[in-house]
Amino acid sequence: GVYMLEQREYSVDELIKKVDELLYVAKKHGRNRVVDEF
């Protein structure tokens, strides 16, 4: 999962959650792939 930071404030948990959600999408759709926020 790949996530690029936006120009706003974050918390540590929010950052981990953002990229973890993208990793979950990659796994959900068959694994062995890259998923970004777009």
PDB file of all heavy atoms in Angstrom:
ATOM      1  N   GLY A   1       0.849  -1.188   0.000  1.00  0.00           N
ATOM      2  CA  GLY A   1       0.000   0.000   0.000  1.00  0.00           C
ATOM      3  C   GLY A   1       0.884   1.237   0.000  1.00  0.00           C
ATOM      4  O   GLY A   1       1.889   1.301   0.720  1.00  0.00           O
ATOM      5  N   VAL A   2       0.515   2.239  -0.804  1.00  0.00           N
ATOM      6  CA  VAL A   2       1.306   3.468  -0.924  1.00  0.00           C
ATOM      7  C   VAL A   2       0.407   4.657  -0.635  1.00  0.00           C
ATOM      8  O   VAL A   2      -0.680   4.772  -1.219  1.00  0.00           O
ATOM      9  CB  VAL A   2       1.920   3.602  -2.332  1.00  0.00           C
ATOM     10  CG1 VAL A   2       2.641   4.945  -2.475  1.00  0.00           C
ATOM     11  CG2 VAL A   2       2.875   2.457  -2.621  1.00  0.00           C
ATOM     12  N   TYR A   3       0.877   5.565   0.239  1.00  0.00           N
ATOM     13  CA  TYR A   3       0.092   6.757   0.583  1.00  0.00           C
ATOM     14  C   TYR A   3       1.027   7.959   0.618  1.00  0.00           C
ATOM     15  O   TYR A   3       2.063   7.947   1.293  1.00  0.00           O
ATOM     16  CB  TYR A   3      -0.591   6.596   1.937  1.00  0.00           C
ATOM     17  CG  TYR A   3      -1.403   7.812   2.346  1.00  0.00           C
ATOM     18  CD1 TYR A   3      -2.634   8.069   1.756  1.00  0.00           C
ATOM     19  CD2 TYR A   3      -0.931   8.701   3.314  1.00  0.00           C
ATOM     20  CE1 TYR A   3      -3.368   9.184   2.116  1.00  0.00           C
ATOM     21  CE2 TYR A   3      -1.661   9.815   3.676  1.00  0.00           C
ATOM     22  CZ  TYR A   3      -2.882  10.054   3.075  1.00  0.00           C
ATOM     23  OH  TYR A   3      -3.624  11.163   3.419  1.00  0.00           O
ATOM     24  N   MET A   4       0.673   9.009  -0.116  1.00  0.00           N
ATOM     25  CA  MET A   4       1.418  10.260  -0.126  1.00  0.00           C
ATOM     26  C   MET A   4       0.745  11.253   0.800  1.00  0.00           C
ATOM     27  O   MET A   4      -0.469  11.465   0.731  1.00  0.00           O
ATOM     28  CB  MET A   4       1.503  10.832  -1.541  1.00  0.00           C
ATOM     29  CG  MET A   4       2.151   9.908  -2.559  1.00  0.00           C
ATOM     30  SD  MET A   4       3.869   9.509  -2.185  1.00  0.00           S
ATOM     31  CE  MET A   4       4.637  11.116  -2.356  1.00  0.00           C
ATOM     32  N   LEU A   5       1.505  11.886   1.681  1.00  0.00           N
ATOM     33  CA  LEU A   5       0.944  12.823   2.650  1.00  0.00           C
ATOM     34  C   LEU A   5       0.406  14.062   1.956  1.00  0.00           C
ATOM     35  O   LEU A   5       1.033  14.614   1.043  1.00  0.00           O
ATOM     36  CB  LEU A   5       2.000  13.249   3.675  1.00  0.00           C
ATOM     37  CG  LEU A   5       2.106  12.376   4.933  1.00  0.00           C
ATOM     38  CD1 LEU A   5       2.638  10.990   4.589  1.00  0.00           C
ATOM     39  CD2 LEU A   5       2.977  13.040   5.995  1.00  0.00           C
ATOM     40  N   GLU A   6      -0.777  14.504   2.407  1.00  0.00           N
ATOM     41  CA  GLU A   6      -1.378  15.734   1.915  1.00  0.00           C
ATOM     42  C   GLU A   6      -0.910  16.908   2.766  1.00  0.00           C
ATOM     43  O   GLU A   6      -0.336  16.735   3.843  1.00  0.00           O
ATOM     44  CB  GLU A   6      -2.909  15.616   1.970  1.00  0.00           C
ATOM     45  CG  GLU A   6      -3.466  14.438   1.174  1.00  0.00           C
ATOM     46  CD  GLU A   6      -4.946  14.249   1.417  1.00  0.00           C
ATOM     47  OE1 GLU A   6      -5.556  15.127   2.082  1.00  0.00           O
ATOM     48  OE2 GLU A   6      -5.491  13.231   0.984  1.00  0.00           O
ATOM     49  N   GLN A   7      -1.181  18.118   2.289  1.00  0.00           N
ATOM     50  CA  GLN A   7      -0.765  19.328   3.004  1.00  0.00           C
ATOM     51  C   GLN A   7      -1.759  19.660   4.111  1.00  0.00           C
ATOM     52  O   GLN A   7      -2.480  20.659   4.068  1.00  0.00           O
ATOM     53  CB  GLN A   7      -0.632  20.493   2.030  1.00  0.00           C
ATOM     54  CG  GLN A   7       0.481  20.333   1.019  1.00  0.00           C
ATOM     55  CD  GLN A   7       1.851  20.285   1.684  1.00  0.00           C
ATOM     56  OE1 GLN A   7       2.148  21.113   2.553  1.00  0.00           O
ATOM     57  NE2 GLN A   7       2.664  19.318   1.297  1.00  0.00           N
ATOM     58  N   ARG A   8      -1.778  18.824   5.108  1.00  0.00           N
ATOM     59  CA  ARG A   8      -2.635  19.047   6.285  1.00  0.00           C
ATOM     60  C   ARG A   8      -2.011  18.338   7.469  1.00  0.00           C
ATOM     61  O   ARG A   8      -1.024  17.602   7.326  1.00  0.00           O
ATOM     62  CB  ARG A   8      -4.053  18.516   6.019  1.00  0.00           C
ATOM     63  CG  ARG A   8      -4.125  17.010   5.812  1.00  0.00           C
ATOM     64  CD  ARG A   8      -5.552  16.577   5.565  1.00  0.00           C
ATOM     65  NE  ARG A   8      -5.702  15.144   5.416  1.00  0.00           N
ATOM     66  CZ  ARG A   8      -5.825  14.281   6.435  1.00  0.00           C
ATOM     67  NH1 ARG A   8      -5.805  14.711   7.695  1.00  0.00           N
ATOM     68  NH2 ARG A   8      -5.976  12.994   6.200  1.00  0.00           N
ATOM     69  N   GLU A   9      -2.577  18.530   8.626  1.00  0.00           N
ATOM     70  CA  GLU A   9      -2.035  17.925   9.835  1.00  0.00           C
ATOM     71  C   GLU A   9      -2.543  16.496   9.992  1.00  0.00           C
ATOM     72  O   GLU A   9      -3.662  16.155   9.568  1.00  0.00           O
ATOM     73  CB  GLU A   9      -2.411  18.759  11.056  1.00  0.00           C
ATOM     74  CG  GLU A   9      -1.761  20.151  11.048  1.00  0.00           C
ATOM     75  CD  GLU A   9      -2.085  20.922  12.313  1.00  0.00           C
ATOM     76  OE1 GLU A   9      -2.919  20.421  13.118  1.00  0.00           O
ATOM     77  OE2 GLU A   9      -1.529  22.017  12.500  1.00  0.00           O
ATOM     78  N   TYR A  10      -1.691  15.656  10.601  1.00  0.00           N
ATOM     79  CA  TYR A  10      -2.024  14.249  10.841  1.00  0.00           C
ATOM     80  C   TYR A  10      -1.673  13.879  12.274  1.00  0.00           C
ATOM     81  O   TYR A  10      -0.896  14.556  12.949  1.00  0.00           O
ATOM     82  CB  TYR A  10      -1.215  13.333   9.913  1.00  0.00           C
ATOM     83  CG  TYR A  10      -1.573  13.385   8.455  1.00  0.00           C
ATOM     84  CD1 TYR A  10      -0.885  14.235   7.578  1.00  0.00           C
ATOM     85  CD2 TYR A  10      -2.565  12.560   7.940  1.00  0.00           C
ATOM     86  CE1 TYR A  10      -1.190  14.267   6.234  1.00  0.00           C
ATOM     87  CE2 TYR A  10      -2.871  12.590   6.580  1.00  0.00           C
ATOM     88  CZ  TYR A  10      -2.191  13.440   5.735  1.00  0.00           C
ATOM     89  OH  TYR A  10      -2.500  13.459   4.415  1.00  0.00           O
ATOM     90  N   SER A  11      -2.228  12.726  12.678  1.00  0.00           N
ATOM     91  CA  SER A  11      -1.743  12.043  13.880  1.00  0.00           C
ATOM     92  C   SER A  11      -1.005  10.782  13.421  1.00  0.00           C
ATOM     93  O   SER A  11      -1.167  10.332  12.288  1.00  0.00           O
ATOM     94  CB  SER A  11      -2.900  11.671  14.813  1.00  0.00           C
ATOM     95  OG  SER A  11      -3.724  10.681  14.204  1.00  0.00           O
ATOM     96  N   VAL A  12      -0.209  10.207  14.297  1.00  0.00           N
ATOM     97  CA  VAL A  12       0.533   8.987  13.950  1.00  0.00           C
ATOM     98  C   VAL A  12      -0.441   7.860  13.604  1.00  0.00           C
ATOM     99  O   VAL A  12      -0.275   7.152  12.593  1.00  0.00           O
ATOM    100  CB  VAL A  12       1.469   8.571  15.109  1.00  0.00           C
ATOM    101  CG1 VAL A  12       2.085   7.203  14.829  1.00  0.00           C
ATOM    102  CG2 VAL A  12       2.555   9.619  15.316  1.00  0.00           C
ATOM    103  N   ASP A  13      -1.467   7.685  14.402  1.00  0.00           N
ATOM    104  CA  ASP A  13      -2.431   6.604  14.156  1.00  0.00           C
ATOM    105  C   ASP A  13      -3.158   6.793  12.823  1.00  0.00           C
ATOM    106  O   ASP A  13      -3.446   5.817  12.114  1.00  0.00           O
ATOM    107  CB  ASP A  13      -3.447   6.539  15.298  1.00  0.00           C
ATOM    108  CG  ASP A  13      -2.818   6.056  16.593  1.00  0.00           C
ATOM    109  OD1 ASP A  13      -1.758   5.396  16.530  1.00  0.00           O
ATOM    110  OD2 ASP A  13      -3.383   6.339  17.671  1.00  0.00           O
ATOM    111  N   GLU A  14      -3.435   8.057  12.494  1.00  0.00           N
ATOM    112  CA  GLU A  14      -4.127   8.320  11.233  1.00  0.00           C
ATOM    113  C   GLU A  14      -3.259   7.941  10.044  1.00  0.00           C
ATOM    114  O   GLU A  14      -3.752   7.347   9.060  1.00  0.00           O
ATOM    115  CB  GLU A  14      -4.525   9.789  11.149  1.00  0.00           C
ATOM    116  CG  GLU A  14      -5.318  10.125   9.884  1.00  0.00           C
ATOM    117  CD  GLU A  14      -5.633  11.597   9.780  1.00  0.00           C
ATOM    118  OE1 GLU A  14      -5.178  12.370  10.647  1.00  0.00           O
ATOM    119  OE2 GLU A  14      -6.327  11.973   8.804  1.00  0.00           O
ATOM    120  N   LEU A  15      -1.980   8.264  10.111  1.00  0.00           N
ATOM    121  CA  LEU A  15      -1.077   7.913   9.015  1.00  0.00           C
ATOM    122  C   LEU A  15      -0.998   6.406   8.818  1.00  0.00           C
ATOM    123  O   LEU A  15      -1.072   5.898   7.692  1.00  0.00           O
ATOM    124  CB  LEU A  15       0.323   8.484   9.287  1.00  0.00           C
ATOM    125  CG  LEU A  15       0.500   9.988   9.095  1.00  0.00           C
ATOM    126  CD1 LEU A  15       1.905  10.407   9.506  1.00  0.00           C
ATOM    127  CD2 LEU A  15       0.237  10.380   7.648  1.00  0.00           C
ATOM    128  N   ILE A  16      -0.831   5.684   9.933  1.00  0.00           N
ATOM    129  CA  ILE A  16      -0.739   4.225   9.838  1.00  0.00           C
ATOM    130  C   ILE A  16      -2.051   3.649   9.297  1.00  0.00           C
ATOM    131  O   ILE A  16      -2.050   2.735   8.458  1.00  0.00           O
ATOM    132  CB  ILE A  16      -0.391   3.622  11.215  1.00  0.00           C
ATOM    133  CG1 ILE A  16       1.015   4.078  11.645  1.00  0.00           C
ATOM    134  CG2 ILE A  16      -0.461   2.103  11.179  1.00  0.00           C
ATOM    135  CD1 ILE A  16       1.404   3.629  13.039  1.00  0.00           C
ATOM    136  N   LYS A  17      -3.155   4.217   9.752  1.00  0.00           N
ATOM    137  CA  LYS A  17      -4.456   3.724   9.290  1.00  0.00           C
ATOM    138  C   LYS A  17      -4.634   3.953   7.797  1.00  0.00           C
ATOM    139  O   LYS A  17      -5.152   3.076   7.075  1.00  0.00           O
ATOM    140  CB  LYS A  17      -5.572   4.418  10.070  1.00  0.00           C
ATOM    141  CG  LYS A  17      -6.966   3.938   9.681  1.00  0.00           C
ATOM    142  CD  LYS A  17      -8.027   4.667  10.505  1.00  0.00           C
ATOM    143  CE  LYS A  17      -9.424   4.188  10.085  1.00  0.00           C
ATOM    144  NZ  LYS A  17     -10.495   4.900  10.827  1.00  0.00           N
ATOM    145  N   LYS A  18      -4.208   5.135   7.293  1.00  0.00           N
ATOM    146  CA  LYS A  18      -4.370   5.458   5.880  1.00  0.00           C
ATOM    147  C   LYS A  18      -3.664   4.438   4.991  1.00  0.00           C
ATOM    148  O   LYS A  18      -4.232   3.892   4.043  1.00  0.00           O
ATOM    149  CB  LYS A  18      -3.811   6.858   5.603  1.00  0.00           C
ATOM    150  CG  LYS A  18      -4.669   8.004   6.095  1.00  0.00           C
ATOM    151  CD  LYS A  18      -5.897   8.179   5.205  1.00  0.00           C
ATOM    152  CE  LYS A  18      -6.687   9.422   5.606  1.00  0.00           C
ATOM    153  NZ  LYS A  18      -7.905   9.580   4.780  1.00  0.00           N
ATOM    154  N   VAL A  19      -2.388   4.159   5.299  1.00  0.00           N
ATOM    155  CA  VAL A  19      -1.629   3.261   4.439  1.00  0.00           C
ATOM    156  C   VAL A  19      -2.022   1.810   4.674  1.00  0.00           C
ATOM    157  O   VAL A  19      -1.971   0.968   3.758  1.00  0.00           O
ATOM    158  CB  VAL A  19      -0.111   3.496   4.638  1.00  0.00           C
ATOM    159  CG1 VAL A  19       0.351   3.006   5.995  1.00  0.00           C
ATOM    160  CG2 VAL A  19       0.689   2.855   3.523  1.00  0.00           C
ATOM    161  N   ASP A  20      -2.478   1.497   5.883  1.00  0.00           N
ATOM    162  CA  ASP A  20      -2.929   0.134   6.179  1.00  0.00           C
ATOM    163  C   ASP A  20      -4.200  -0.187   5.392  1.00  0.00           C
ATOM    164  O   ASP A  20      -4.387  -1.321   4.926  1.00  0.00           O
ATOM    165  CB  ASP A  20      -3.176  -0.006   7.680  1.00  0.00           C
ATOM    166  CG  ASP A  20      -3.526  -1.434   8.069  1.00  0.00           C
ATOM    167  OD1 ASP A  20      -2.857  -2.372   7.555  1.00  0.00           O
ATOM    168  OD2 ASP A  20      -4.461  -1.625   8.867  1.00  0.00           O
ATOM    169  N   GLU A  21      -5.071   0.804   5.226  1.00  0.00           N
ATOM    170  CA  GLU A  21      -6.287   0.594   4.442  1.00  0.00           C
ATOM    171  C   GLU A  21      -5.952   0.275   2.990  1.00  0.00           C
ATOM    172  O   GLU A  21      -6.601  -0.566   2.350  1.00  0.00           O
ATOM    173  CB  GLU A  21      -7.173   1.832   4.530  1.00  0.00           C
ATOM    174  CG  GLU A  21      -7.815   2.022   5.895  1.00  0.00           C
ATOM    175  CD  GLU A  21      -8.581   3.328   6.000  1.00  0.00           C
ATOM    176  OE1 GLU A  21      -8.412   4.185   5.076  1.00  0.00           O
ATOM    177  OE2 GLU A  21      -9.322   3.520   6.984  1.00  0.00           O
ATOM    178  N   LEU A  22      -4.921   0.922   2.475  1.00  0.00           N
ATOM    179  CA  LEU A  22      -4.515   0.654   1.088  1.00  0.00           C
ATOM    180  C   LEU A  22      -3.897  -0.735   0.955  1.00  0.00           C
ATOM    181  O   LEU A  22      -4.102  -1.431  -0.048  1.00  0.00           O
ATOM    182  CB  LEU A  22      -3.521   1.729   0.622  1.00  0.00           C
ATOM    183  CG  LEU A  22      -4.099   3.153   0.552  1.00  0.00           C
ATOM    184  CD1 LEU A  22      -2.992   4.170   0.282  1.00  0.00           C
ATOM    185  CD2 LEU A  22      -5.179   3.237  -0.529  1.00  0.00           C
ATOM    186  N   LEU A  23      -3.147  -1.154   1.970  1.00  0.00           N
ATOM    187  CA  LEU A  23      -2.604  -2.521   1.968  1.00  0.00           C
ATOM    188  C   LEU A  23      -3.742  -3.536   2.017  1.00  0.00           C
ATOM    189  O   LEU A  23      -3.705  -4.590   1.334  1.00  0.00           O
ATOM    190  CB  LEU A  23      -1.661  -2.708   3.157  1.00  0.00           C
ATOM    191  CG  LEU A  23      -1.118  -4.125   3.381  1.00  0.00           C
ATOM    192  CD1 LEU A  23      -0.307  -4.592   2.175  1.00  0.00           C
ATOM    193  CD2 LEU A  23      -0.279  -4.183   4.648  1.00  0.00           C
ATOM    194  N   TYR A  24      -4.766  -3.240   2.782  1.00  0.00           N
ATOM    195  CA  TYR A  24      -5.930  -4.132   2.880  1.00  0.00           C
ATOM    196  C   TYR A  24      -6.599  -4.271   1.511  1.00  0.00           C
ATOM    197  O   TYR A  24      -7.012  -5.368   1.101  1.00  0.00           O
ATOM    198  CB  TYR A  24      -6.922  -3.592   3.908  1.00  0.00           C
ATOM    199  CG  TYR A  24      -8.209  -4.363   3.970  1.00  0.00           C
ATOM    200  CD1 TYR A  24      -8.273  -5.601   4.611  1.00  0.00           C
ATOM    201  CD2 TYR A  24      -9.372  -3.858   3.373  1.00  0.00           C
ATOM    202  CE1 TYR A  24      -9.464  -6.321   4.657  1.00  0.00           C
ATOM    203  CE2 TYR A  24     -10.562  -4.568   3.415  1.00  0.00           C
ATOM    204  CZ  TYR A  24     -10.600  -5.802   4.066  1.00  0.00           C
ATOM    205  OH  TYR A  24     -11.777  -6.525   4.096  1.00  0.00           O
ATOM    206  N   VAL A  25      -6.689  -3.153   0.770  1.00  0.00           N
ATOM    207  CA  VAL A  25      -7.297  -3.201  -0.567  1.00  0.00           C
ATOM    208  C   VAL A  25      -6.483  -4.114  -1.476  1.00  0.00           C
ATOM    209  O   VAL A  25      -7.031  -4.918  -2.256  1.00  0.00           O
ATOM    210  CB  VAL A  25      -7.404  -1.785  -1.157  1.00  0.00           C
ATOM    211  CG1 VAL A  25      -7.858  -1.834  -2.615  1.00  0.00           C
ATOM    212  CG2 VAL A  25      -8.361  -0.938  -0.335  1.00  0.00           C
ATOM    213  N   ALA A  26      -5.139  -3.989  -1.397  1.00  0.00           N
ATOM    214  CA  ALA A  26      -4.278  -4.843  -2.218  1.00  0.00           C
ATOM    215  C   ALA A  26      -4.503  -6.312  -1.901  1.00  0.00           C
ATOM    216  O   ALA A  26      -4.544  -7.169  -2.809  1.00  0.00           O
ATOM    217  CB  ALA A  26      -2.821  -4.454  -2.005  1.00  0.00           C
ATOM    218  N   LYS A  27      -4.645  -6.657  -0.644  1.00  0.00           N
ATOM    219  CA  LYS A  27      -4.858  -8.050  -0.254  1.00  0.00           C
ATOM    220  C   LYS A  27      -6.249  -8.529  -0.684  1.00  0.00           C
ATOM    221  O   LYS A  27      -6.440  -9.676  -1.114  1.00  0.00           O
ATOM    222  CB  LYS A  27      -4.680  -8.197   1.265  1.00  0.00           C
ATOM    223  CG  LYS A  27      -3.226  -8.154   1.708  1.00  0.00           C
ATOM    224  CD  LYS A  27      -3.137  -8.394   3.211  1.00  0.00           C
ATOM    225  CE  LYS A  27      -1.690  -8.594   3.616  1.00  0.00           C
ATOM    226  NZ  LYS A  27      -1.129  -9.839   3.061  1.00  0.00           N
ATOM    227  N   LYS A  28      -7.203  -7.610  -0.556  1.00  0.00           N
ATOM    228  CA  LYS A  28      -8.583  -7.974  -0.882  1.00  0.00           C
ATOM    229  C   LYS A  28      -8.737  -8.303  -2.363  1.00  0.00           C
ATOM    230  O   LYS A  28      -9.570  -9.131  -2.759  1.00  0.00           O
ATOM    231  CB  LYS A  28      -9.503  -6.818  -0.485  1.00  0.00           C
ATOM    232  CG  LYS A  28     -10.973  -7.084  -0.750  1.00  0.00           C
ATOM    233  CD  LYS A  28     -11.811  -5.893  -0.294  1.00  0.00           C
ATOM    234  CE  LYS A  28     -13.286  -6.133  -0.590  1.00  0.00           C
ATOM    235  NZ  LYS A  28     -14.110  -4.974  -0.200  1.00  0.00           N
ATOM    236  N   HIS A  29      -7.903  -7.674  -3.162  1.00  0.00           N
ATOM    237  CA  HIS A  29      -8.036  -7.854  -4.599  1.00  0.00           C
ATOM    238  C   HIS A  29      -6.966  -8.784  -5.183  1.00  0.00           C
ATOM    239  O   HIS A  29      -6.476  -8.578  -6.290  1.00  0.00           O
ATOM    240  CB  HIS A  29      -8.006  -6.501  -5.316  1.00  0.00           C
ATOM    241  CG  HIS A  29      -9.236  -5.698  -5.096  1.00  0.00           C
ATOM    242  ND1 HIS A  29      -9.449  -4.946  -3.959  1.00  0.00           N
ATOM    243  CD2 HIS A  29     -10.363  -5.536  -5.864  1.00  0.00           C
ATOM    244  CE1 HIS A  29     -10.625  -4.343  -4.031  1.00  0.00           C
ATOM    245  NE2 HIS A  29     -11.210  -4.696  -5.193  1.00  0.00           N
ATOM    246  N   GLY A  30      -6.567  -9.778  -4.390  1.00  0.00           N
ATOM    247  CA  GLY A  30      -5.742 -10.851  -4.934  1.00  0.00           C
ATOM    248  C   GLY A  30      -4.288 -10.849  -4.532  1.00  0.00           C
ATOM    249  O   GLY A  30      -3.524 -11.727  -4.954  1.00  0.00           O
ATOM    250  N   ARG A  31      -3.876  -9.864  -3.787  1.00  0.00           N
ATOM    251  CA  ARG A  31      -2.493  -9.801  -3.327  1.00  0.00           C
ATOM    252  C   ARG A  31      -1.505  -9.634  -4.500  1.00  0.00           C
ATOM    253  O   ARG A  31      -1.913  -9.488  -5.627  1.00  0.00           O
ATOM    254  CB  ARG A  31      -2.133 -11.025  -2.478  1.00  0.00           C
ATOM    255  CG  ARG A  31      -2.957 -11.132  -1.182  1.00  0.00           C
ATOM    256  CD  ARG A  31      -2.554 -12.367  -0.384  1.00  0.00           C
ATOM    257  NE  ARG A  31      -3.186 -12.342   0.943  1.00  0.00           N
ATOM    258  CZ  ARG A  31      -4.415 -12.763   1.192  1.00  0.00           C
ATOM    259  NH1 ARG A  31      -5.163 -13.242   0.210  1.00  0.00           N
ATOM    260  NH2 ARG A  31      -4.909 -12.691   2.414  1.00  0.00           N
ATOM    261  N   ASN A  32      -0.221  -9.611  -4.158  1.00  0.00           N
ATOM    262  CA  ASN A  32       0.859  -9.526  -5.142  1.00  0.00           C
ATOM    263  C   ASN A  32       0.670  -8.307  -6.041  1.00  0.00           C
ATOM    264  O   ASN A  32       0.787  -8.383  -7.261  1.00  0.00           O
ATOM    265  CB  ASN A  32       0.921 -10.817  -5.980  1.00  0.00           C
ATOM    266  CG  ASN A  32       2.190 -10.882  -6.835  1.00  0.00           C
ATOM    267  OD1 ASN A  32       3.186 -10.228  -6.523  1.00  0.00           O
ATOM    268  ND2 ASN A  32       2.139 -11.650  -7.904  1.00  0.00           N
ATOM    269  N   ARG A  33       0.360  -7.162  -5.432  1.00  0.00           N
ATOM    270  CA  ARG A  33       0.118  -5.953  -6.204  1.00  0.00           C
ATOM    271  C   ARG A  33       0.358  -4.709  -5.342  1.00  0.00           C
ATOM    272  O   ARG A  33       0.493  -4.782  -4.117  1.00  0.00           O
ATOM    273  CB  ARG A  33      -1.300  -5.933  -6.755  1.00  0.00           C
ATOM    274  CG  ARG A  33      -2.384  -5.837  -5.684  1.00  0.00           C
ATOM    275  CD  ARG A  33      -3.757  -6.068  -6.278  1.00  0.00           C
ATOM    276  NE  ARG A  33      -3.826  -7.423  -6.847  1.00  0.00           N
ATOM    277  CZ  ARG A  33      -4.549  -7.727  -7.920  1.00  0.00           C
ATOM    278  NH1 ARG A  33      -5.245  -6.785  -8.542  1.00  0.00           N
ATOM    279  NH2 ARG A  33      -4.602  -8.966  -8.361  1.00  0.00           N
ATOM    280  N   VAL A  34       0.387  -3.550  -6.010  1.00  0.00           N
ATOM    281  CA  VAL A  34       0.568  -2.247  -5.346  1.00  0.00           C
ATOM    282  C   VAL A  34      -0.728  -1.477  -5.467  1.00  0.00           C
ATOM    283  O   VAL A  34      -1.321  -1.398  -6.554  1.00  0.00           O
ATOM    284  CB  VAL A  34       1.718  -1.451  -5.996  1.00  0.00           C
ATOM    285  CG1 VAL A  34       1.813  -0.048  -5.373  1.00  0.00           C
ATOM    286  CG2 VAL A  34       3.034  -2.190  -5.847  1.00  0.00           C
ATOM    287  N   VAL A  35      -1.182  -0.869  -4.380  1.00  0.00           N
ATOM    288  CA  VAL A  35      -2.375  -0.015  -4.376  1.00  0.00           C
ATOM    289  C   VAL A  35      -2.000   1.301  -3.718  1.00  0.00           C
ATOM    290  O   VAL A  35      -1.437   1.320  -2.614  1.00  0.00           O
ATOM    291  CB  VAL A  35      -3.543  -0.686  -3.622  1.00  0.00           C
ATOM    292  CG1 VAL A  35      -4.702   0.296  -3.490  1.00  0.00           C
ATOM    293  CG2 VAL A  35      -3.990  -1.947  -4.337  1.00  0.00           C
ATOM    294  N   ASP A  36      -2.313   2.443  -4.402  1.00  0.00           N
ATOM    295  CA  ASP A  36      -2.078   3.762  -3.793  1.00  0.00           C
ATOM    296  C   ASP A  36      -3.414   4.447  -3.535  1.00  0.00           C
ATOM    297  O   ASP A  36      -4.481   3.889  -3.813  1.00  0.00           O
ATOM    298  CB  ASP A  36      -1.178   4.616  -4.677  1.00  0.00           C
ATOM    299  CG  ASP A  36      -1.778   4.891  -6.037  1.00  0.00           C
ATOM    300  OD1 ASP A  36      -2.996   4.694  -6.211  1.00  0.00           O
ATOM    301  OD2 ASP A  36      -1.029   5.319  -6.936  1.00  0.00           O
ATOM    302  N   GLU A  37      -3.369   5.676  -3.017  1.00  0.00           N
ATOM    303  CA  GLU A  37      -4.609   6.340  -2.608  1.00  0.00           C
ATOM    304  C   GLU A  37      -5.442   6.781  -3.782  1.00  0.00           C
ATOM    305  O   GLU A  37      -6.624   7.159  -3.629  1.00  0.00           O
ATOM    306  CB  GLU A  37      -4.290   7.559  -1.705  1.00  0.00           C
ATOM    307  CG  GLU A  37      -3.621   8.725  -2.417  1.00  0.00           C
ATOM    308  CD  GLU A  37      -2.092   8.627  -2.354  1.00  0.00           C
ATOM    309  OE1 GLU A  37      -1.564   7.496  -2.390  1.00  0.00           O
ATOM    310  OE2 GLU A  37      -1.458   9.679  -2.282  1.00  0.00           O
ATOM    311  N   PHE A  38      -4.864   6.789  -4.988  1.00  0.00           N
ATOM    312  CA  PHE A  38      -5.624   7.191  -6.158  1.00  0.00           C
ATOM    313  C   PHE A  38      -6.298   6.002  -6.847  1.00  0.00           C
ATOM    314  O   PHE A  38      -7.012   6.200  -7.804  1.00  0.00           O
ATOM    315  CB  PHE A  38      -4.699   7.897  -7.151  1.00  0.00           C
ATOM    316  CG  PHE A  38      -4.074   9.128  -6.584  1.00  0.00           C
ATOM    317  CD1 PHE A  38      -2.723   9.151  -6.306  1.00  0.00           C
ATOM    318  CD2 PHE A  38      -4.830  10.244  -6.309  1.00  0.00           C
ATOM    319  CE1 PHE A  38      -2.147  10.285  -5.766  1.00  0.00           C
ATOM    320  CE2 PHE A  38      -4.261  11.364  -5.770  1.00  0.00           C
ATOM    321  CZ  PHE A  38      -2.899  11.407  -5.480  1.00  0.00           C
TER     322      PHE A  38
END
